[in-house]
Amino acid sequence: MGILHYGTDSAPIHIADRALAHLKVVVVAKLRRQESFTVSWQHPAEDGTGRSTIWMHPSIPVRFEFDEAVGPELNRAWIEELAHSANALGGITLVAEHVGTDADNSPESDGRPEVPAA
């Protein structure tokens, strides 16, 4: 389970390593272009229902921490889906990875990236 550290006083945001690796590509690209945007996700079932959103801005420190020493092979289609949502009015919505040509979800058990409440 990876961790997204955003800002200096915020609680760590736990995200599955694979999802975090894909999110990192899009976040870094947007921040490199000095673009601000939101990132939203649904809370996992064990944290109750709900969702969270953070405002990403180039002046706010961000750090990606991974459990795995080696990064996963990236899924270009997933990155493109996240990037497309990043450019939309609602910002990035962290969605589960779709594998193959059907709508199968990634290895996450409930079809959503593992992200507890911040």
Protein backbone atom coordinates (compact mmCIF):
# COMPACT_ATOMS: atom_id res chain seq x y z
CA MET A 1 0.00 0.00 0.00
CA GLY A 2 1.50 3.29 -1.09
CA ILE A 3 1.03 6.68 0.50
CA LEU A 4 0.36 10.07 -1.04
CA HIS A 5 1.68 12.84 1.20
CA TYR A 6 0.15 16.17 0.23
CA GLY A 7 0.93 19.37 2.06
CA THR A 8 2.81 19.53 5.33
CA ASP A 9 -0.02 19.03 7.81
CA SER A 10 -2.35 16.62 6.03
CA ALA A 11 -2.91 13.00 6.99
CA PRO A 12 -1.29 10.46 4.65
CA ILE A 13 -3.57 9.12 1.93
CA HIS A 14 -3.19 5.36 1.46
CA ILE A 15 -3.48 4.17 -2.14
CA ALA A 16 -2.61 0.78 -3.63
CA ASP A 17 0.91 0.94 -5.13
CA ARG A 18 -0.30 0.20 -8.66
CA ALA A 19 -2.98 2.90 -8.56
CA LEU A 20 -0.53 5.38 -7.00
CA ALA A 21 2.05 4.73 -9.74
CA HIS A 22 -0.49 5.60 -12.42
CA LEU A 23 -1.80 8.61 -10.51
CA LYS A 24 1.78 9.86 -10.06
CA VAL A 25 2.38 10.02 -13.82
CA VAL A 26 -0.66 12.25 -14.34
CA VAL A 27 -0.12 14.42 -11.24
CA VAL A 28 3.53 15.10 -12.07
CA ALA A 29 2.68 15.99 -15.68
CA LYS A 30 -0.01 18.46 -14.57
CA LEU A 31 2.11 20.06 -11.83
CA ARG A 32 5.11 20.32 -14.18
CA ARG A 33 2.92 22.49 -16.42
CA GLN A 34 1.96 24.60 -13.38
CA GLU A 35 -1.66 23.42 -13.59
CA SER A 36 -3.92 23.14 -10.55
CA PHE A 37 -6.66 20.50 -10.36
CA THR A 38 -8.56 18.24 -7.97
CA VAL A 39 -8.12 14.55 -7.19
CA SER A 40 -11.16 12.65 -5.91
CA TRP A 41 -11.70 9.09 -4.69
CA GLN A 42 -14.27 6.95 -2.93
CA HIS A 43 -13.51 5.70 0.56
CA PRO A 44 -13.06 1.94 0.89
CA ALA A 45 -15.89 -0.02 2.54
CA GLU A 46 -14.00 -0.48 5.83
CA ASP A 47 -13.95 3.31 6.27
CA GLY A 48 -17.66 3.67 5.66
CA THR A 49 -19.27 5.37 2.74
CA GLY A 50 -18.09 8.65 1.40
CA ARG A 51 -15.53 10.29 -0.81
CA SER A 52 -12.73 12.83 -0.58
CA THR A 53 -11.26 15.48 -2.84
CA ILE A 54 -8.00 17.39 -2.56
CA TRP A 55 -6.92 20.49 -4.49
CA MET A 56 -3.53 19.92 -6.13
CA HIS A 57 -1.44 23.04 -6.67
CA PRO A 58 2.19 23.33 -7.83
CA SER A 59 3.18 25.30 -4.71
CA ILE A 60 2.02 22.59 -2.28
CA PRO A 61 4.53 19.81 -1.51
CA VAL A 62 3.60 16.33 -2.70
CA ARG A 63 5.41 13.04 -2.10
CA PHE A 64 4.65 9.57 -3.40
CA GLU A 65 5.74 6.68 -1.17
CA PHE A 66 5.60 3.10 -2.46
CA ASP A 67 5.85 -0.22 -0.61
CA GLU A 68 7.27 -2.01 -3.65
CA ALA A 69 10.89 -1.31 -4.56
CA VAL A 70 10.24 -1.79 -8.28
CA GLY A 71 7.48 0.12 -10.04
CA PRO A 72 4.77 -1.79 -11.91
CA GLU A 73 4.43 -1.95 -15.67
CA LEU A 74 2.16 0.97 -16.48
CA ASN A 75 -1.15 0.65 -18.30
CA ARG A 76 -1.24 3.41 -20.91
CA ALA A 77 -5.05 3.26 -21.21
CA TRP A 78 -5.46 3.81 -17.46
CA ILE A 79 -3.05 6.77 -17.53
CA GLU A 80 -4.97 8.25 -20.45
CA GLU A 81 -8.28 7.80 -18.60
CA LEU A 82 -6.87 9.56 -15.52
CA ALA A 83 -5.32 12.32 -17.66
CA HIS A 84 -8.61 12.84 -19.48
CA SER A 85 -10.43 13.27 -16.17
CA ALA A 86 -7.67 15.62 -14.97
CA ASN A 87 -8.46 17.95 -17.86
CA ALA A 88 -12.19 17.88 -17.17
CA LEU A 89 -13.98 20.35 -14.92
CA GLY A 90 -14.29 17.82 -12.09
CA GLY A 91 -10.57 16.98 -11.99
CA ILE A 92 -9.00 13.53 -11.61
CA THR A 93 -11.33 10.86 -10.38
CA LEU A 94 -9.29 7.90 -9.16
CA VAL A 95 -11.03 4.98 -10.83
CA ALA A 96 -10.19 1.29 -10.90
CA GLU A 97 -8.04 -0.05 -13.71
CA HIS A 98 -9.83 -1.80 -16.56
CA VAL A 99 -7.92 -4.83 -17.79
CA GLY A 100 -8.16 -6.03 -21.39
CA THR A 101 -11.00 -5.01 -23.63
CA ASP A 102 -13.81 -5.72 -21.20
CA ALA A 103 -14.73 -3.87 -18.02
CA ASP A 104 -12.91 -6.24 -15.64
CA ASN A 105 -11.47 -4.41 -12.68
CA SER A 106 -7.93 -4.45 -11.44
CA PRO A 107 -6.78 -6.81 -8.70
CA GLU A 108 -8.26 -4.56 -6.01
CA SER A 109 -10.90 -6.63 -4.27
CA ASP A 110 -13.90 -4.33 -4.60
CA GLY A 111 -13.04 -2.76 -7.96
CA ARG A 112 -11.90 0.52 -6.41
CA PRO A 113 -8.36 1.63 -5.60
CA GLU A 114 -7.59 1.19 -1.93
CA VAL A 115 -7.82 4.71 -0.55
CA PRO A 116 -8.99 5.34 3.01
CA ALA A 117 -10.33 8.65 4.20
CA ALA A 118 -7.75 11.38 4.59
